[in-house]
Amino acid sequence: MSDFTLNASVRNDLGKGASRRLRRANEQVPAIIYGGEKEPQPISIEKPAFYKAIEEEVFFSSIINLVVDGKSEQVVVRDLQRHPFKQLVTHADFMRVDATHEITLNVPLHVVGEEQCVGIKDQDGELHVLANEVLVSCLPKDLPDYLEIDISAAEVGTTLHLSDLSLPAGVILVDLTHGEDHDNAVVNIAKSKVRAATDEDEEGSEAGEE
């Protein structure tokens, strides 16, 4: 599990106007913490460290140590609101987590084994990634940074599903708890479009000769 710590302060000046003033100062990002047994708490986050953190994919599937006026809270990112055309985060939502309660969160899906993939290397296939993230449920201590799916042995025509993922101990895939009909495809090795078009041309030529 990755380790992120962000510093923040309680925000007492509320409302859209206050948020705009905070953003214009260009030093902090307005945000809120909610969940658990505490009341929702508006905060402002130190901008440089926050912007650096959100550049990392794993930040969005990590337990974050949020230090608010010297007091630490464990949270996850629930939502980021962004400016429609500027590279700005206008607001962030964080949810408190409890070490004794399971959380549900999307984590990235990483495809591995592409260079060794039989269908790509030996059969001129193409990789089609059908899902970039998956929804998991687990205790905070078991939250993975990402999940991997190995395609090294996959041949052309192979489709791998959620049930083909190898899961760490304590982690379950939420979709699979709803039944086999929710065992969604995540990657597929298909015949390349160029190869398919060539095969069709060859078949057409053979039919013409006959």
N, C-alpha and C. Protein backbone atom coordinates (compact mmCIF):
# COMPACT_ATOMS: atom_id res chain seq x y z
N MET A 1 0.85 -1.19 0.00
CA MET A 1 0.00 0.00 0.00
C MET A 1 0.89 1.25 0.00
N SER A 2 0.55 2.20 -0.85
CA SER A 2 1.33 3.43 -0.93
C SER A 2 1.03 4.35 0.24
N ASP A 3 1.98 5.24 0.51
CA ASP A 3 1.86 6.12 1.68
C ASP A 3 1.78 7.57 1.22
N PHE A 4 0.64 8.19 1.44
CA PHE A 4 0.45 9.59 1.10
C PHE A 4 0.04 10.36 2.34
N THR A 5 0.67 11.50 2.57
CA THR A 5 0.30 12.38 3.66
C THR A 5 0.08 13.78 3.09
N LEU A 6 -1.07 14.36 3.41
CA LEU A 6 -1.39 15.72 2.97
C LEU A 6 -1.72 16.58 4.19
N ASN A 7 -1.31 17.81 4.12
CA ASN A 7 -1.61 18.76 5.20
C ASN A 7 -2.79 19.64 4.81
N ALA A 8 -3.66 19.89 5.76
CA ALA A 8 -4.85 20.69 5.50
C ALA A 8 -5.20 21.50 6.75
N SER A 9 -6.14 22.41 6.58
CA SER A 9 -6.62 23.20 7.71
C SER A 9 -8.13 23.31 7.63
N VAL A 10 -8.76 23.49 8.79
CA VAL A 10 -10.21 23.66 8.84
C VAL A 10 -10.59 24.93 8.10
N ARG A 11 -11.65 24.84 7.32
CA ARG A 11 -12.10 25.99 6.53
C ARG A 11 -13.41 26.51 7.14
N ASN A 12 -13.36 27.72 7.66
CA ASN A 12 -14.54 28.33 8.28
C ASN A 12 -15.26 29.31 7.36
N ASP A 13 -14.52 29.85 6.40
CA ASP A 13 -15.11 30.80 5.45
C ASP A 13 -15.71 29.98 4.31
N LEU A 14 -17.04 29.78 4.34
CA LEU A 14 -17.69 28.85 3.43
C LEU A 14 -18.45 29.57 2.32
N GLY A 15 -18.96 28.77 1.38
CA GLY A 15 -19.73 29.33 0.27
C GLY A 15 -18.90 29.39 -1.01
N LYS A 16 -19.61 29.59 -2.15
CA LYS A 16 -18.93 29.62 -3.45
C LYS A 16 -17.93 30.76 -3.55
N GLY A 17 -18.31 31.91 -2.99
CA GLY A 17 -17.41 33.06 -3.03
C GLY A 17 -16.13 32.79 -2.27
N ALA A 18 -16.26 32.15 -1.12
CA ALA A 18 -15.08 31.83 -0.31
C ALA A 18 -14.19 30.84 -1.04
N SER A 19 -14.81 29.86 -1.69
CA SER A 19 -14.04 28.87 -2.43
C SER A 19 -13.29 29.52 -3.59
N ARG A 20 -13.96 30.45 -4.28
CA ARG A 20 -13.30 31.15 -5.38
C ARG A 20 -12.10 31.95 -4.88
N ARG A 21 -12.28 32.62 -3.74
CA ARG A 21 -11.17 33.40 -3.18
C ARG A 21 -9.99 32.50 -2.82
N LEU A 22 -10.32 31.32 -2.29
CA LEU A 22 -9.27 30.38 -1.91
C LEU A 22 -8.50 29.90 -3.13
N ARG A 23 -9.22 29.61 -4.22
CA ARG A 23 -8.56 29.15 -5.43
C ARG A 23 -7.73 30.26 -6.07
N ARG A 24 -8.25 31.49 -6.03
CA ARG A 24 -7.53 32.60 -6.63
C ARG A 24 -6.22 32.89 -5.91
N ALA A 25 -6.19 32.63 -4.61
CA ALA A 25 -4.95 32.80 -3.85
C ALA A 25 -3.89 31.81 -4.34
N ASN A 26 -4.37 30.72 -4.99
CA ASN A 26 -3.49 29.75 -5.67
C ASN A 26 -2.54 29.03 -4.71
N GLU A 27 -2.94 28.89 -3.46
CA GLU A 27 -2.10 28.21 -2.49
C GLU A 27 -2.79 26.99 -1.88
N GLN A 28 -4.15 26.96 -1.92
CA GLN A 28 -4.88 25.87 -1.31
C GLN A 28 -6.07 25.45 -2.18
N VAL A 29 -6.53 24.23 -1.95
CA VAL A 29 -7.67 23.67 -2.69
C VAL A 29 -8.80 23.43 -1.70
N PRO A 30 -10.01 23.95 -1.95
CA PRO A 30 -11.14 23.67 -1.05
C PRO A 30 -11.55 22.20 -1.12
N ALA A 31 -11.93 21.65 0.02
CA ALA A 31 -12.29 20.23 0.07
C ALA A 31 -13.22 19.99 1.24
N ILE A 32 -13.67 18.73 1.36
CA ILE A 32 -14.51 18.35 2.48
C ILE A 32 -14.18 16.91 2.88
N ILE A 33 -14.28 16.62 4.17
CA ILE A 33 -14.15 15.26 4.70
C ILE A 33 -15.52 14.86 5.26
N TYR A 34 -15.97 13.66 4.92
CA TYR A 34 -17.24 13.21 5.47
C TYR A 34 -17.16 11.72 5.77
N GLY A 35 -18.23 11.20 6.37
CA GLY A 35 -18.28 9.78 6.69
C GLY A 35 -17.91 9.49 8.13
N GLY A 36 -18.16 8.25 8.54
CA GLY A 36 -17.88 7.85 9.91
C GLY A 36 -18.89 8.47 10.88
N GLU A 37 -18.49 8.61 12.11
CA GLU A 37 -19.40 9.13 13.13
C GLU A 37 -19.26 10.64 13.32
N LYS A 38 -18.35 11.27 12.59
CA LYS A 38 -18.14 12.70 12.72
C LYS A 38 -18.96 13.47 11.69
N GLU A 39 -19.17 14.73 11.96
CA GLU A 39 -19.87 15.59 11.01
C GLU A 39 -18.95 15.92 9.83
N PRO A 40 -19.55 16.22 8.67
CA PRO A 40 -18.73 16.66 7.54
C PRO A 40 -17.91 17.89 7.92
N GLN A 41 -16.65 17.93 7.47
CA GLN A 41 -15.75 19.02 7.84
C GLN A 41 -15.15 19.68 6.60
N PRO A 42 -15.53 20.94 6.28
CA PRO A 42 -14.87 21.65 5.18
C PRO A 42 -13.41 21.94 5.54
N ILE A 43 -12.52 21.72 4.60
CA ILE A 43 -11.10 21.95 4.82
C ILE A 43 -10.49 22.61 3.59
N SER A 44 -9.25 23.03 3.73
CA SER A 44 -8.47 23.50 2.59
C SER A 44 -7.13 22.76 2.62
N ILE A 45 -6.71 22.26 1.44
CA ILE A 45 -5.50 21.43 1.34
C ILE A 45 -4.37 22.24 0.72
N GLU A 46 -3.16 22.00 1.20
CA GLU A 46 -2.01 22.65 0.61
C GLU A 46 -1.87 22.21 -0.85
N LYS A 47 -1.90 23.17 -1.74
CA LYS A 47 -2.00 22.88 -3.17
C LYS A 47 -0.80 22.15 -3.77
N PRO A 48 0.45 22.60 -3.54
CA PRO A 48 1.58 21.94 -4.23
C PRO A 48 1.65 20.43 -3.99
N ALA A 49 1.53 20.02 -2.73
CA ALA A 49 1.62 18.59 -2.41
C ALA A 49 0.43 17.83 -2.97
N PHE A 50 -0.75 18.45 -2.94
CA PHE A 50 -1.96 17.80 -3.46
C PHE A 50 -1.86 17.59 -4.96
N TYR A 51 -1.43 18.62 -5.70
CA TYR A 51 -1.32 18.49 -7.15
C TYR A 51 -0.26 17.46 -7.54
N LYS A 52 0.80 17.38 -6.76
CA LYS A 52 1.82 16.36 -7.03
C LYS A 52 1.26 14.96 -6.80
N ALA A 53 0.46 14.81 -5.74
CA ALA A 53 -0.11 13.50 -5.40
C ALA A 53 -1.07 13.00 -6.47
N ILE A 54 -1.92 13.89 -7.00
CA ILE A 54 -2.94 13.43 -7.95
C ILE A 54 -2.35 13.09 -9.32
N GLU A 55 -1.08 13.36 -9.52
CA GLU A 55 -0.43 12.93 -10.75
C GLU A 55 -0.15 11.42 -10.74
N GLU A 56 -0.20 10.82 -9.55
CA GLU A 56 0.08 9.39 -9.42
C GLU A 56 -1.21 8.59 -9.42
N GLU A 57 -1.28 7.62 -10.30
CA GLU A 57 -2.47 6.78 -10.42
C GLU A 57 -2.86 6.14 -9.10
N VAL A 58 -1.86 5.69 -8.36
CA VAL A 58 -2.12 4.94 -7.14
C VAL A 58 -2.73 5.81 -6.04
N PHE A 59 -2.62 7.12 -6.15
CA PHE A 59 -3.20 8.01 -5.14
C PHE A 59 -4.70 7.76 -4.97
N PHE A 60 -5.38 7.44 -6.07
CA PHE A 60 -6.83 7.30 -6.04
C PHE A 60 -7.29 5.94 -5.51
N SER A 61 -6.34 5.05 -5.25
CA SER A 61 -6.70 3.75 -4.65
C SER A 61 -5.89 3.52 -3.38
N SER A 62 -5.57 4.61 -2.69
CA SER A 62 -4.75 4.52 -1.48
C SER A 62 -5.47 5.10 -0.27
N ILE A 63 -5.09 4.61 0.89
CA ILE A 63 -5.51 5.23 2.14
C ILE A 63 -4.59 6.43 2.36
N ILE A 64 -5.17 7.60 2.53
CA ILE A 64 -4.40 8.84 2.64
C ILE A 64 -4.42 9.32 4.08
N ASN A 65 -3.25 9.71 4.54
CA ASN A 65 -3.14 10.29 5.88
C ASN A 65 -3.33 11.80 5.73
N LEU A 66 -4.49 12.29 6.14
CA LEU A 66 -4.82 13.71 6.01
C LEU A 66 -4.66 14.38 7.37
N VAL A 67 -3.69 15.27 7.48
CA VAL A 67 -3.39 15.94 8.75
C VAL A 67 -4.08 17.31 8.74
N VAL A 68 -5.15 17.43 9.54
CA VAL A 68 -5.95 18.66 9.58
C VAL A 68 -5.67 19.39 10.88
N ASP A 69 -5.00 20.52 10.74
CA ASP A 69 -4.62 21.32 11.93
C ASP A 69 -3.92 20.45 12.98
N GLY A 70 -3.03 19.59 12.51
CA GLY A 70 -2.23 18.77 13.40
C GLY A 70 -2.86 17.44 13.80
N LYS A 71 -4.13 17.21 13.46
CA LYS A 71 -4.80 15.97 13.81
C LYS A 71 -4.95 15.10 12.56
N SER A 72 -4.55 13.83 12.66
CA SER A 72 -4.51 12.94 11.52
C SER A 72 -5.82 12.17 11.34
N GLU A 73 -6.26 12.06 10.09
CA GLU A 73 -7.43 11.25 9.74
C GLU A 73 -7.09 10.38 8.55
N GLN A 74 -7.60 9.16 8.55
CA GLN A 74 -7.40 8.24 7.43
C GLN A 74 -8.58 8.39 6.47
N VAL A 75 -8.28 8.68 5.20
CA VAL A 75 -9.34 8.96 4.23
C VAL A 75 -9.00 8.33 2.88
N VAL A 76 -10.02 8.28 2.00
CA VAL A 76 -9.82 7.95 0.59
C VAL A 76 -10.47 9.05 -0.25
N VAL A 77 -9.99 9.21 -1.46
CA VAL A 77 -10.59 10.18 -2.37
C VAL A 77 -11.91 9.62 -2.89
N ARG A 78 -12.97 10.42 -2.81
CA ARG A 78 -14.25 10.00 -3.35
C ARG A 78 -14.62 10.76 -4.63
N ASP A 79 -14.15 11.99 -4.74
CA ASP A 79 -14.48 12.75 -5.95
C ASP A 79 -13.57 13.96 -6.07
N LEU A 80 -13.24 14.30 -7.30
CA LEU A 80 -12.55 15.55 -7.60
C LEU A 80 -13.39 16.31 -8.62
N GLN A 81 -13.65 17.57 -8.33
CA GLN A 81 -14.32 18.42 -9.32
C GLN A 81 -13.24 19.27 -9.99
N ARG A 82 -13.27 19.27 -11.32
CA ARG A 82 -12.25 19.97 -12.08
C ARG A 82 -12.86 21.11 -12.88
N HIS A 83 -12.05 22.12 -13.17
CA HIS A 83 -12.46 23.23 -14.01
C HIS A 83 -12.74 22.70 -15.41
N PRO A 84 -13.80 23.19 -16.09
CA PRO A 84 -14.18 22.63 -17.40
C PRO A 84 -13.11 22.75 -18.48
N PHE A 85 -12.22 23.75 -18.40
CA PHE A 85 -11.19 23.83 -19.44
C PHE A 85 -9.81 24.20 -18.93
N LYS A 86 -9.68 24.56 -17.67
CA LYS A 86 -8.37 24.83 -17.09
C LYS A 86 -7.88 23.60 -16.31
N GLN A 87 -6.57 23.48 -16.19
CA GLN A 87 -5.98 22.37 -15.44
C GLN A 87 -6.03 22.67 -13.94
N LEU A 88 -7.26 22.75 -13.41
CA LEU A 88 -7.46 23.10 -12.02
C LEU A 88 -8.43 22.14 -11.35
N VAL A 89 -8.15 21.79 -10.10
CA VAL A 89 -9.11 21.08 -9.27
C VAL A 89 -9.87 22.12 -8.47
N THR A 90 -11.18 22.15 -8.62
CA THR A 90 -11.97 23.17 -7.94
C THR A 90 -12.46 22.73 -6.57
N HIS A 91 -12.53 21.41 -6.35
CA HIS A 91 -12.98 20.91 -5.05
C HIS A 91 -12.64 19.43 -4.94
N ALA A 92 -12.36 18.96 -3.74
CA ALA A 92 -12.07 17.55 -3.50
C ALA A 92 -12.93 17.01 -2.38
N ASP A 93 -13.42 15.77 -2.55
CA ASP A 93 -14.20 15.10 -1.53
C ASP A 93 -13.41 13.92 -0.98
N PHE A 94 -13.28 13.84 0.33
CA PHE A 94 -12.59 12.73 0.98
C PHE A 94 -13.56 12.02 1.93
N MET A 95 -13.47 10.69 1.99
CA MET A 95 -14.31 9.92 2.91
C MET A 95 -13.44 9.29 3.98
N ARG A 96 -13.85 9.43 5.24
CA ARG A 96 -13.13 8.80 6.34
C ARG A 96 -13.23 7.28 6.24
N VAL A 97 -12.16 6.61 6.66
CA VAL A 97 -12.19 5.14 6.69
C VAL A 97 -11.90 4.68 8.11
N ASP A 98 -12.45 3.52 8.42
CA ASP A 98 -12.28 2.90 9.74
C ASP A 98 -11.56 1.58 9.53
N ALA A 99 -10.50 1.35 10.28
CA ALA A 99 -9.69 0.14 10.11
C ALA A 99 -10.50 -1.14 10.28
N THR A 100 -11.64 -1.06 11.00
CA THR A 100 -12.43 -2.27 11.28
C THR A 100 -13.58 -2.47 10.31
N HIS A 101 -13.75 -1.54 9.37
CA HIS A 101 -14.87 -1.64 8.43
C HIS A 101 -14.36 -1.73 6.99
N GLU A 102 -14.99 -2.60 6.20
CA GLU A 102 -14.59 -2.73 4.79
C GLU A 102 -14.94 -1.47 4.02
N ILE A 103 -14.14 -1.18 3.00
CA ILE A 103 -14.41 -0.06 2.11
C ILE A 103 -14.56 -0.61 0.69
N THR A 104 -15.27 0.13 -0.13
CA THR A 104 -15.46 -0.22 -1.54
C THR A 104 -14.84 0.87 -2.38
N LEU A 105 -13.94 0.47 -3.28
CA LEU A 105 -13.17 1.46 -4.02
C LEU A 105 -12.72 0.89 -5.35
N ASN A 106 -12.67 1.73 -6.38
CA ASN A 106 -12.10 1.32 -7.65
C ASN A 106 -10.58 1.32 -7.57
N VAL A 107 -9.96 0.25 -8.07
CA VAL A 107 -8.49 0.20 -8.15
C VAL A 107 -8.09 -0.05 -9.60
N PRO A 108 -6.92 0.45 -10.01
CA PRO A 108 -6.49 0.27 -11.41
C PRO A 108 -6.25 -1.20 -11.75
N LEU A 109 -6.46 -1.52 -13.02
CA LEU A 109 -6.18 -2.86 -13.54
C LEU A 109 -4.99 -2.74 -14.48
N HIS A 110 -3.92 -3.47 -14.18
CA HIS A 110 -2.71 -3.45 -15.00
C HIS A 110 -2.58 -4.76 -15.77
N VAL A 111 -2.39 -4.66 -17.08
CA VAL A 111 -2.17 -5.83 -17.92
C VAL A 111 -0.67 -6.12 -17.96
N VAL A 112 -0.28 -7.36 -17.66
CA VAL A 112 1.13 -7.75 -17.70
C VAL A 112 1.30 -8.94 -18.64
N GLY A 113 2.54 -9.12 -19.12
CA GLY A 113 2.82 -10.25 -20.00
C GLY A 113 2.57 -9.98 -21.46
N GLU A 114 2.40 -8.70 -21.84
CA GLU A 114 2.09 -8.40 -23.24
C GLU A 114 3.23 -8.79 -24.17
N GLU A 115 4.48 -8.58 -23.75
CA GLU A 115 5.62 -8.91 -24.61
C GLU A 115 5.75 -10.42 -24.84
N GLN A 116 5.28 -11.22 -23.88
CA GLN A 116 5.37 -12.67 -24.02
C GLN A 116 4.07 -13.29 -24.54
N CYS A 117 3.05 -12.47 -24.75
CA CYS A 117 1.73 -12.98 -25.11
C CYS A 117 1.77 -13.78 -26.42
N VAL A 118 1.33 -15.03 -26.35
CA VAL A 118 1.33 -15.92 -27.51
C VAL A 118 0.48 -15.34 -28.64
N GLY A 119 -0.68 -14.85 -28.30
CA GLY A 119 -1.59 -14.34 -29.32
C GLY A 119 -1.07 -13.11 -30.04
N ILE A 120 -0.26 -12.30 -29.35
CA ILE A 120 0.29 -11.09 -29.96
C ILE A 120 1.60 -11.39 -30.68
N LYS A 121 2.49 -12.13 -30.00
CA LYS A 121 3.83 -12.38 -30.52
C LYS A 121 3.84 -13.38 -31.67
N ASP A 122 3.06 -14.44 -31.56
CA ASP A 122 3.13 -15.53 -32.55
C ASP A 122 1.93 -15.60 -33.48
N GLN A 123 0.82 -14.92 -33.11
CA GLN A 123 -0.40 -15.08 -33.91
C GLN A 123 -0.93 -13.75 -34.46
N ASP A 124 -0.09 -12.71 -34.41
CA ASP A 124 -0.44 -11.40 -34.97
C ASP A 124 -1.74 -10.84 -34.39
N GLY A 125 -2.00 -11.10 -33.11
CA GLY A 125 -3.21 -10.59 -32.49
C GLY A 125 -3.02 -9.19 -31.93
N GLU A 126 -4.13 -8.59 -31.53
CA GLU A 126 -4.13 -7.25 -30.93
C GLU A 126 -4.76 -7.33 -29.55
N LEU A 127 -4.20 -6.55 -28.63
CA LEU A 127 -4.75 -6.48 -27.28
C LEU A 127 -5.84 -5.42 -27.22
N HIS A 128 -6.99 -5.81 -26.68
CA HIS A 128 -8.07 -4.85 -26.44
C HIS A 128 -8.36 -4.84 -24.94
N VAL A 129 -8.07 -3.71 -24.30
CA VAL A 129 -8.33 -3.56 -22.86
C VAL A 129 -9.76 -3.06 -22.68
N LEU A 130 -10.58 -3.84 -22.02
CA LEU A 130 -12.00 -3.53 -21.88
C LEU A 130 -12.34 -2.88 -20.54
N ALA A 131 -11.40 -2.89 -19.60
CA ALA A 131 -11.62 -2.25 -18.29
C ALA A 131 -10.28 -1.76 -17.76
N ASN A 132 -10.26 -0.51 -17.33
CA ASN A 132 -9.04 0.08 -16.77
C ASN A 132 -9.00 0.04 -15.25
N GLU A 133 -10.15 -0.24 -14.63
CA GLU A 133 -10.22 -0.33 -13.18
C GLU A 133 -11.33 -1.29 -12.79
N VAL A 134 -11.24 -1.79 -11.56
CA VAL A 134 -12.24 -2.73 -11.06
C VAL A 134 -12.64 -2.32 -9.65
N LEU A 135 -13.86 -2.64 -9.28
CA LEU A 135 -14.39 -2.27 -7.96
C LEU A 135 -14.13 -3.39 -6.97
N VAL A 136 -13.42 -3.06 -5.88
CA VAL A 136 -13.10 -4.07 -4.87
C VAL A 136 -13.67 -3.68 -3.52
N SER A 137 -13.77 -4.66 -2.66
CA SER A 137 -14.20 -4.43 -1.28
C SER A 137 -13.21 -5.15 -0.36
N CYS A 138 -12.76 -4.46 0.69
CA CYS A 138 -11.80 -5.06 1.61
C CYS A 138 -11.62 -4.14 2.81
N LEU A 139 -10.91 -4.63 3.80
CA LEU A 139 -10.50 -3.77 4.91
C LEU A 139 -9.43 -2.81 4.42
N PRO A 140 -9.34 -1.64 5.02
CA PRO A 140 -8.33 -0.67 4.58
C PRO A 140 -6.91 -1.23 4.51
N LYS A 141 -6.55 -2.09 5.44
CA LYS A 141 -5.18 -2.64 5.46
C LYS A 141 -4.90 -3.55 4.27
N ASP A 142 -5.96 -4.08 3.65
CA ASP A 142 -5.80 -5.02 2.54
C ASP A 142 -5.95 -4.35 1.17
N LEU A 143 -6.19 -3.05 1.15
CA LEU A 143 -6.45 -2.36 -0.11
C LEU A 143 -5.22 -2.41 -1.02
N PRO A 144 -5.35 -3.01 -2.22
CA PRO A 144 -4.20 -3.07 -3.14
C PRO A 144 -4.06 -1.78 -3.94
N ASP A 145 -2.82 -1.45 -4.30
CA ASP A 145 -2.59 -0.28 -5.16
C ASP A 145 -3.22 -0.50 -6.53
N TYR A 146 -3.17 -1.76 -6.99
CA TYR A 146 -3.72 -2.12 -8.30
C TYR A 146 -3.85 -3.63 -8.35
N LEU A 147 -4.54 -4.14 -9.37
CA LEU A 147 -4.61 -5.57 -9.63
C LEU A 147 -4.00 -5.85 -10.99
N GLU A 148 -3.42 -7.03 -11.14
CA GLU A 148 -2.79 -7.42 -12.40
C GLU A 148 -3.57 -8.54 -13.08
N ILE A 149 -3.53 -8.55 -14.41
CA ILE A 149 -4.02 -9.70 -15.15
C ILE A 149 -2.95 -10.09 -16.17
N ASP A 150 -2.54 -11.34 -16.12
CA ASP A 150 -1.42 -11.84 -16.94
C ASP A 150 -1.97 -12.42 -18.25
N ILE A 151 -1.50 -11.87 -19.37
CA ILE A 151 -1.98 -12.33 -20.68
C ILE A 151 -0.91 -13.12 -21.43
N SER A 152 0.19 -13.48 -20.77
CA SER A 152 1.32 -14.11 -21.46
C SER A 152 0.92 -15.39 -22.19
N ALA A 153 -0.04 -16.15 -21.67
CA ALA A 153 -0.42 -17.42 -22.30
C ALA A 153 -1.66 -17.29 -23.18
N ALA A 154 -2.20 -16.07 -23.30
CA ALA A 154 -3.46 -15.89 -24.04
C ALA A 154 -3.23 -15.98 -25.55
N GLU A 155 -4.09 -16.70 -26.24
CA GLU A 155 -4.03 -16.83 -27.69
C GLU A 155 -5.09 -15.95 -28.34
N VAL A 156 -4.99 -15.79 -29.67
CA VAL A 156 -5.99 -15.03 -30.40
C VAL A 156 -7.37 -15.65 -30.14
N GLY A 157 -8.34 -14.80 -29.85
CA GLY A 157 -9.68 -15.28 -29.55
C GLY A 157 -9.95 -15.43 -28.07
N THR A 158 -8.92 -15.25 -27.24
CA THR A 158 -9.08 -15.39 -25.80
C THR A 158 -9.67 -14.12 -25.20
N THR A 159 -10.65 -14.29 -24.33
CA THR A 159 -11.21 -13.19 -23.54
C THR A 159 -11.07 -13.55 -22.07
N LEU A 160 -10.45 -12.67 -21.32
CA LEU A 160 -10.28 -12.89 -19.89
C LEU A 160 -11.29 -12.04 -19.12
N HIS A 161 -11.83 -12.62 -18.05
CA HIS A 161 -12.90 -11.99 -17.28
C HIS A 161 -12.44 -11.66 -15.86
N LEU A 162 -13.32 -11.02 -15.12
CA LEU A 162 -13.02 -10.69 -13.73
C LEU A 162 -12.60 -11.92 -12.93
N SER A 163 -13.23 -13.05 -13.20
CA SER A 163 -12.93 -14.27 -12.46
C SER A 163 -11.53 -14.80 -12.75
N ASP A 164 -10.87 -14.27 -13.78
CA ASP A 164 -9.50 -14.68 -14.10
C ASP A 164 -8.45 -13.88 -13.33
N LEU A 165 -8.89 -12.86 -12.60
CA LEU A 165 -7.96 -12.04 -11.83
C LEU A 165 -7.49 -12.78 -10.58
N SER A 166 -6.22 -12.62 -10.26
CA SER A 166 -5.68 -13.17 -9.02
C SER A 166 -5.78 -12.10 -7.94
N LEU A 167 -6.48 -12.42 -6.86
CA LEU A 167 -6.78 -11.42 -5.82
C LEU A 167 -5.93 -11.64 -4.58
N PRO A 168 -5.46 -10.55 -3.97
CA PRO A 168 -4.76 -10.68 -2.68
C PRO A 168 -5.73 -11.15 -1.60
N ALA A 169 -5.19 -11.69 -0.53
CA ALA A 169 -6.02 -12.15 0.58
C ALA A 169 -6.85 -11.00 1.13
N GLY A 170 -8.12 -11.29 1.38
CA GLY A 170 -9.00 -10.29 1.98
C GLY A 170 -9.69 -9.37 1.00
N VAL A 171 -9.41 -9.52 -0.30
CA VAL A 171 -9.98 -8.63 -1.31
C VAL A 171 -11.00 -9.40 -2.14
N ILE A 172 -12.17 -8.80 -2.36
CA ILE A 172 -13.17 -9.42 -3.23
C ILE A 172 -13.58 -8.42 -4.32
N LEU A 173 -13.99 -8.97 -5.45
CA LEU A 173 -14.49 -8.15 -6.55
C LEU A 173 -15.99 -7.98 -6.37
N VAL A 174 -16.43 -6.76 -6.27
CA VAL A 174 -17.84 -6.47 -5.96
C VAL A 174 -18.77 -7.04 -7.03
N ASP A 175 -18.41 -6.90 -8.29
CA ASP A 175 -19.29 -7.38 -9.36
C ASP A 175 -19.56 -8.88 -9.25
N LEU A 176 -18.56 -9.65 -8.85
CA LEU A 176 -18.73 -11.10 -8.78
C LEU A 176 -19.66 -11.52 -7.65
N THR A 177 -19.89 -10.64 -6.69
CA THR A 177 -20.83 -10.97 -5.61
C THR A 177 -22.28 -10.93 -6.10
N HIS A 178 -22.49 -10.37 -7.28
CA HIS A 178 -23.84 -10.26 -7.84
C HIS A 178 -24.20 -11.43 -8.76
N GLY A 179 -23.29 -12.39 -8.92
CA GLY A 179 -23.59 -13.56 -9.72
C GLY A 179 -22.76 -13.66 -10.98
N GLU A 180 -22.84 -14.83 -11.64
CA GLU A 180 -22.04 -15.12 -12.83
C GLU A 180 -22.32 -14.15 -13.98
N ASP A 181 -23.52 -13.63 -14.04
CA ASP A 181 -23.86 -12.70 -15.13
C ASP A 181 -23.05 -11.41 -15.06
N HIS A 182 -22.39 -11.18 -13.93
CA HIS A 182 -21.61 -9.95 -13.75
C HIS A 182 -20.11 -10.21 -13.86
N ASP A 183 -19.77 -11.40 -14.37
CA ASP A 183 -18.35 -11.72 -14.59
C ASP A 183 -17.90 -11.07 -15.90
N ASN A 184 -17.70 -9.77 -15.84
CA ASN A 184 -17.45 -8.98 -17.03
C ASN A 184 -16.08 -9.24 -17.64
N ALA A 185 -16.00 -9.09 -18.97
CA ALA A 185 -14.74 -9.23 -19.68
C ALA A 185 -13.86 -8.02 -19.37
N VAL A 186 -12.55 -8.27 -19.24
CA VAL A 186 -11.63 -7.17 -18.95
C VAL A 186 -10.58 -6.98 -20.04
N VAL A 187 -10.15 -8.07 -20.69
CA VAL A 187 -9.24 -7.96 -21.83
C VAL A 187 -9.60 -9.01 -22.88
N ASN A 188 -9.21 -8.72 -24.12
CA ASN A 188 -9.46 -9.64 -25.22
C ASN A 188 -8.27 -9.59 -26.18
N ILE A 189 -7.87 -10.76 -26.69
CA ILE A 189 -6.84 -10.83 -27.72
C ILE A 189 -7.56 -11.17 -29.02
N ALA A 190 -7.64 -10.21 -29.92
CA ALA A 190 -8.39 -10.38 -31.17
C ALA A 190 -7.44 -10.41 -32.36
N LYS A 191 -7.90 -11.01 -33.45
CA LYS A 191 -7.14 -10.98 -34.68
C LYS A 191 -6.97 -9.54 -35.12
N SER A 192 -5.76 -9.17 -35.52
CA SER A 192 -5.52 -7.78 -35.91
C SER A 192 -6.36 -7.42 -37.13
N LYS A 193 -6.78 -6.16 -37.20
CA LYS A 193 -7.61 -5.71 -38.31
C LYS A 193 -6.87 -5.83 -39.64
N VAL A 194 -5.56 -5.58 -39.63
CA VAL A 194 -4.77 -5.69 -40.85
C VAL A 194 -4.73 -7.13 -41.33
N ARG A 195 -4.50 -8.06 -40.39
CA ARG A 195 -4.45 -9.49 -40.73
C ARG A 195 -5.82 -9.97 -41.20
N ALA A 196 -6.88 -9.50 -40.52
CA ALA A 196 -8.22 -9.91 -40.90
C ALA A 196 -8.55 -9.45 -42.31
N ALA A 197 -8.16 -8.21 -42.64
CA ALA A 197 -8.43 -7.67 -43.97
C ALA A 197 -7.64 -8.44 -45.02
N THR A 198 -6.39 -8.83 -44.71
CA THR A 198 -5.57 -9.61 -45.64
C THR A 198 -6.18 -10.97 -45.89
N ASP A 199 -6.65 -11.61 -44.82
CA ASP A 199 -7.28 -12.93 -44.96
C ASP A 199 -8.52 -12.85 -45.84
N GLU A 200 -9.31 -11.77 -45.67
CA GLU A 200 -10.52 -11.61 -46.47
C GLU A 200 -10.17 -11.41 -47.93
N ASP A 201 -9.11 -10.64 -48.20
CA ASP A 201 -8.67 -10.41 -49.59
C ASP A 201 -8.22 -11.70 -50.23
N GLU A 202 -7.48 -12.52 -49.45
CA GLU A 202 -7.00 -13.79 -49.98
C GLU A 202 -8.16 -14.73 -50.27
N GLU A 203 -9.15 -14.75 -49.39
CA GLU A 203 -10.32 -15.60 -49.61
C GLU A 203 -11.09 -15.16 -50.84
N GLY A 204 -11.16 -13.82 -51.01
CA GLY A 204 -11.86 -13.28 -52.19
C GLY A 204 -11.14 -13.65 -53.47
N SER A 205 -9.81 -13.61 -53.46
CA SER A 205 -9.03 -13.95 -54.65
C SER A 205 -9.19 -15.42 -54.99
N GLU A 206 -9.17 -16.28 -53.97
CA GLU A 206 -9.33 -17.71 -54.20
C GLU A 206 -10.70 -18.03 -54.77
N ALA A 207 -11.72 -17.32 -54.27
CA ALA A 207 -13.07 -17.56 -54.78
C ALA A 207 -13.16 -17.12 -56.24
N GLY A 208 -12.47 -16.01 -56.61
CA GLY A 208 -12.50 -15.52 -57.97
C GLY A 208 -11.81 -16.48 -58.92
N GLU A 209 -10.72 -17.11 -58.47
CA GLU A 209 -10.00 -18.05 -59.31
C GLU A 209 -10.83 -19.28 -59.59
N GLU A 210 -11.61 -19.68 -58.57
CA GLU A 210 -12.46 -20.86 -58.76
C GLU A 210 -13.57 -20.57 -59.77
